[in-house]
Amino acid sequence: MRPDIVIPALMGCALLWWISRGMNWSTRLIVAAITLVMIMGILLLERSLN
């Protein structure tokens, strides 16, 4: 597995876990979806600039 994909995904999961401790499940799913979209967007932007 490539570290440029794995490391941001793990960091996003850790941040999501830390933030979502007081949220209900529907809010957690929405935040998880937004986080994944942001990670994919950043990765696509990095690849297009190189």
PDB file of N, CA and C in Angstrom:
ATOM      1  N   MET A   1       0.840  -1.184   0.000  1.00  0.00           N
ATOM      2  CA  MET A   1       0.000   0.000   0.000  1.00  0.00           C
ATOM      3  C   MET A   1       0.884   1.246   0.000  1.00  0.00           C
ATOM      4  N   ARG A   2       0.377   2.260  -0.660  1.00  0.00           N
ATOM      5  CA  ARG A   2       1.154   3.494  -0.775  1.00  0.00           C
ATOM      6  C   ARG A   2       0.957   4.374   0.459  1.00  0.00           C
ATOM      7  N   PRO A   3       2.047   4.892   1.026  1.00  0.00           N
ATOM      8  CA  PRO A   3       1.917   5.715   2.232  1.00  0.00           C
ATOM      9  C   PRO A   3       1.202   7.043   1.991  1.00  0.00           C
ATOM     10  N   ASP A   4       1.206   7.554   0.757  1.00  0.00           N
ATOM     11  CA  ASP A   4       0.515   8.825   0.519  1.00  0.00           C
ATOM     12  C   ASP A   4      -0.994   8.665   0.559  1.00  0.00           C
ATOM     13  N   ILE A   5      -1.491   7.440   0.560  1.00  0.00           N
ATOM     14  CA  ILE A   5      -2.923   7.187   0.703  1.00  0.00           C
ATOM     15  C   ILE A   5      -3.245   6.725   2.119  1.00  0.00           C
ATOM     16  N   VAL A   6      -2.403   5.854   2.665  1.00  0.00           N
ATOM     17  CA  VAL A   6      -2.681   5.244   3.962  1.00  0.00           C
ATOM     18  C   VAL A   6      -2.555   6.248   5.101  1.00  0.00           C
ATOM     19  N   ILE A   7      -1.503   7.046   5.104  1.00  0.00           N
ATOM     20  CA  ILE A   7      -1.264   7.970   6.216  1.00  0.00           C
ATOM     21  C   ILE A   7      -2.366   9.020   6.343  1.00  0.00           C
ATOM     22  N   PRO A   8      -2.786   9.706   5.273  1.00  0.00           N
ATOM     23  CA  PRO A   8      -3.901  10.652   5.438  1.00  0.00           C
ATOM     24  C   PRO A   8      -5.209   9.973   5.872  1.00  0.00           C
ATOM     25  N   ALA A   9      -5.439   8.758   5.392  1.00  0.00           N
ATOM     26  CA  ALA A   9      -6.656   8.050   5.790  1.00  0.00           C
ATOM     27  C   ALA A   9      -6.624   7.715   7.282  1.00  0.00           C
ATOM     28  N   LEU A  10      -5.487   7.243   7.777  1.00  0.00           N
ATOM     29  CA  LEU A  10      -5.370   6.940   9.203  1.00  0.00           C
ATOM     30  C   LEU A  10      -5.491   8.201  10.055  1.00  0.00           C
ATOM     31  N   MET A  11      -4.882   9.280   9.608  1.00  0.00           N
ATOM     32  CA  MET A  11      -4.991  10.538  10.352  1.00  0.00           C
ATOM     33  C   MET A  11      -6.435  11.035  10.371  1.00  0.00           C
ATOM     34  N   GLY A  12      -7.124  10.888   9.253  1.00  0.00           N
ATOM     35  CA  GLY A  12      -8.529  11.290   9.195  1.00  0.00           C
ATOM     36  C   GLY A  12      -9.396  10.457  10.116  1.00  0.00           C
ATOM     37  N   CYS A  13      -9.138   9.145  10.175  1.00  0.00           N
ATOM     38  CA  CYS A  13      -9.899   8.268  11.070  1.00  0.00           C
ATOM     39  C   CYS A  13      -9.647   8.622  12.534  1.00  0.00           C
ATOM     40  N   ALA A  14      -8.389   8.888  12.877  1.00  0.00           N
ATOM     41  CA  ALA A  14      -8.069   9.261  14.258  1.00  0.00           C
ATOM     42  C   ALA A  14      -8.735  10.578  14.645  1.00  0.00           C
ATOM     43  N   LEU A  15      -8.683  11.552  13.751  1.00  0.00           N
ATOM     44  CA  LEU A  15      -9.322  12.832  14.024  1.00  0.00           C
ATOM     45  C   LEU A  15     -10.837  12.675  14.131  1.00  0.00           C
ATOM     46  N   LEU A  16     -11.402  11.887  13.253  1.00  0.00           N
ATOM     47  CA  LEU A  16     -12.838  11.641  13.289  1.00  0.00           C
ATOM     48  C   LEU A  16     -13.240  10.973  14.599  1.00  0.00           C
ATOM     49  N   TRP A  17     -12.474   9.997  15.048  1.00  0.00           N
ATOM     50  CA  TRP A  17     -12.784   9.326  16.320  1.00  0.00           C
ATOM     51  C   TRP A  17     -12.735  10.312  17.471  1.00  0.00           C
ATOM     52  N   TRP A  18     -11.717  11.174  17.494  1.00  0.00           N
ATOM     53  CA  TRP A  18     -11.548  12.113  18.590  1.00  0.00           C
ATOM     54  C   TRP A  18     -12.677  13.146  18.619  1.00  0.00           C
ATOM     55  N   ILE A  19     -13.067  13.636  17.450  1.00  0.00           N
ATOM     56  CA  ILE A  19     -14.117  14.649  17.378  1.00  0.00           C
ATOM     57  C   ILE A  19     -15.496  14.052  17.653  1.00  0.00           C
ATOM     58  N   SER A  20     -15.730  12.819  17.197  1.00  0.00           N
ATOM     59  CA  SER A  20     -17.082  12.265  17.214  1.00  0.00           C
ATOM     60  C   SER A  20     -17.467  11.585  18.521  1.00  0.00           C
ATOM     61  N   ARG A  21     -16.695  11.748  19.561  1.00  0.00           N
ATOM     62  CA  ARG A  21     -17.023  11.069  20.814  1.00  0.00           C
ATOM     63  C   ARG A  21     -18.382  11.482  21.367  1.00  0.00           C
ATOM     64  N   GLY A  22     -18.820  12.703  21.135  1.00  0.00           N
ATOM     65  CA  GLY A  22     -20.097  13.164  21.670  1.00  0.00           C
ATOM     66  C   GLY A  22     -21.226  13.213  20.648  1.00  0.00           C
ATOM     67  N   MET A  23     -21.020  12.617  19.475  1.00  0.00           N
ATOM     68  CA  MET A  23     -22.023  12.694  18.407  1.00  0.00           C
ATOM     69  C   MET A  23     -22.836  11.406  18.318  1.00  0.00           C
ATOM     70  N   ASN A  24     -24.049  11.526  17.748  1.00  0.00           N
ATOM     71  CA  ASN A  24     -24.821  10.310  17.487  1.00  0.00           C
ATOM     72  C   ASN A  24     -24.369   9.689  16.166  1.00  0.00           C
ATOM     73  N   TRP A  25     -24.901   8.511  15.835  1.00  0.00           N
ATOM     74  CA  TRP A  25     -24.383   7.750  14.694  1.00  0.00           C
ATOM     75  C   TRP A  25     -24.644   8.409  13.353  1.00  0.00           C
ATOM     76  N   SER A  26     -25.772   9.066  13.182  1.00  0.00           N
ATOM     77  CA  SER A  26     -26.041   9.701  11.891  1.00  0.00           C
ATOM     78  C   SER A  26     -25.089  10.864  11.646  1.00  0.00           C
ATOM     79  N   THR A  27     -24.796  11.626  12.680  1.00  0.00           N
ATOM     80  CA  THR A  27     -23.841  12.719  12.541  1.00  0.00           C
ATOM     81  C   THR A  27     -22.445  12.182  12.264  1.00  0.00           C
ATOM     82  N   ARG A  28     -22.082  11.081  12.910  1.00  0.00           N
ATOM     83  CA  ARG A  28     -20.775  10.469  12.670  1.00  0.00           C
ATOM     84  C   ARG A  28     -20.635  10.032  11.220  1.00  0.00           C
ATOM     85  N   LEU A  29     -21.686   9.449  10.646  1.00  0.00           N
ATOM     86  CA  LEU A  29     -21.619   9.008   9.253  1.00  0.00           C
ATOM     87  C   LEU A  29     -21.462  10.184   8.299  1.00  0.00           C
ATOM     88  N   ILE A  30     -22.160  11.269   8.573  1.00  0.00           N
ATOM     89  CA  ILE A  30     -22.048  12.460   7.735  1.00  0.00           C
ATOM     90  C   ILE A  30     -20.636  13.031   7.812  1.00  0.00           C
ATOM     91  N   VAL A  31     -20.089  13.126   9.009  1.00  0.00           N
ATOM     92  CA  VAL A  31     -18.738  13.658   9.180  1.00  0.00           C
ATOM     93  C   VAL A  31     -17.715  12.722   8.531  1.00  0.00           C
ATOM     94  N   ALA A  32     -17.925  11.418   8.633  1.00  0.00           N
ATOM     95  CA  ALA A  32     -17.012  10.460   8.000  1.00  0.00           C
ATOM     96  C   ALA A  32     -17.024  10.621   6.482  1.00  0.00           C
ATOM     97  N   ALA A  33     -18.203  10.799   5.911  1.00  0.00           N
ATOM     98  CA  ALA A  33     -18.302  10.978   4.463  1.00  0.00           C
ATOM     99  C   ALA A  33     -17.604  12.264   4.024  1.00  0.00           C
ATOM    100  N   ILE A  34     -17.810  13.341   4.746  1.00  0.00           N
ATOM    101  CA  ILE A  34     -17.165  14.607   4.415  1.00  0.00           C
ATOM    102  C   ILE A  34     -15.646  14.475   4.534  1.00  0.00           C
ATOM    103  N   THR A  35     -15.182  13.784   5.581  1.00  0.00           N
ATOM    104  CA  THR A  35     -13.747  13.598   5.772  1.00  0.00           C
ATOM    105  C   THR A  35     -13.136  12.817   4.621  1.00  0.00           C
ATOM    106  N   LEU A  36     -13.798  11.741   4.193  1.00  0.00           N
ATOM    107  CA  LEU A  36     -13.269  10.944   3.088  1.00  0.00           C
ATOM    108  C   LEU A  36     -13.238  11.732   1.788  1.00  0.00           C
ATOM    109  N   VAL A  37     -14.254  12.539   1.542  1.00  0.00           N
ATOM    110  CA  VAL A  37     -14.276  13.361   0.336  1.00  0.00           C
ATOM    111  C   VAL A  37     -13.145  14.382   0.366  1.00  0.00           C
ATOM    112  N   MET A  38     -12.896  14.966   1.532  1.00  0.00           N
ATOM    113  CA  MET A  38     -11.807  15.932   1.643  1.00  0.00           C
ATOM    114  C   MET A  38     -10.450  15.263   1.418  1.00  0.00           C
ATOM    115  N   ILE A  39     -10.242  14.066   1.960  1.00  0.00           N
ATOM    116  CA  ILE A  39      -8.980  13.347   1.761  1.00  0.00           C
ATOM    117  C   ILE A  39      -8.785  13.035   0.283  1.00  0.00           C
ATOM    118  N   MET A  40      -9.825  12.551  -0.369  1.00  0.00           N
ATOM    119  CA  MET A  40      -9.714  12.231  -1.795  1.00  0.00           C
ATOM    120  C   MET A  40      -9.439  13.494  -2.614  1.00  0.00           C
ATOM    121  N   GLY A  41     -10.069  14.599  -2.263  1.00  0.00           N
ATOM    122  CA  GLY A  41      -9.840  15.853  -2.973  1.00  0.00           C
ATOM    123  C   GLY A  41      -8.410  16.339  -2.830  1.00  0.00           C
ATOM    124  N   ILE A  42      -7.864  16.242  -1.630  1.00  0.00           N
ATOM    125  CA  ILE A  42      -6.483  16.664  -1.404  1.00  0.00           C
ATOM    126  C   ILE A  42      -5.525  15.780  -2.181  1.00  0.00           C
ATOM    127  N   LEU A  43      -5.767  14.461  -2.175  1.00  0.00           N
ATOM    128  CA  LEU A  43      -4.905  13.546  -2.919  1.00  0.00           C
ATOM    129  C   LEU A  43      -4.967  13.812  -4.419  1.00  0.00           C
ATOM    130  N   LEU A  44      -6.163  14.063  -4.943  1.00  0.00           N
ATOM    131  CA  LEU A  44      -6.285  14.369  -6.378  1.00  0.00           C
ATOM    132  C   LEU A  44      -5.587  15.682  -6.727  1.00  0.00           C
ATOM    133  N   LEU A  45      -5.700  16.668  -5.842  1.00  0.00           N
ATOM    134  CA  LEU A  45      -5.033  17.941  -6.076  1.00  0.00           C
ATOM    135  C   LEU A  45      -3.521  17.777  -6.072  1.00  0.00           C
ATOM    136  N   GLU A  46      -3.001  17.009  -5.131  1.00  0.00           N
ATOM    137  CA  GLU A  46      -1.557  16.777  -5.077  1.00  0.00           C
ATOM    138  C   GLU A  46      -1.069  16.076  -6.350  1.00  0.00           C
ATOM    139  N   ARG A  47      -1.820  15.103  -6.805  1.00  0.00           N
ATOM    140  CA  ARG A  47      -1.390  14.355  -7.997  1.00  0.00           C
ATOM    141  C   ARG A  47      -1.475  15.215  -9.262  1.00  0.00           C
ATOM    142  N   SER A  48      -2.424  16.120  -9.326  1.00  0.00           N
ATOM    143  CA  SER A  48      -2.550  16.957 -10.511  1.00  0.00           C
ATOM    144  C   SER A  48      -1.454  18.023 -10.566  1.00  0.00           C
ATOM    145  N   LEU A  49      -0.914  18.407  -9.425  1.00  0.00           N
ATOM    146  CA  LEU A  49       0.142  19.419  -9.398  1.00  0.00           C
ATOM    147  C   LEU A  49       1.509  18.827  -9.732  1.00  0.00           C
ATOM    148  N   ASN A  50       1.662  17.538  -9.595  1.00  0.00           N
ATOM    149  CA  ASN A  50       2.969  16.911  -9.862  1.00  0.00           C
ATOM    150  C   ASN A  50       3.134  16.528 -11.264  1.00  0.00           C
TER     151      ASN A  50
END
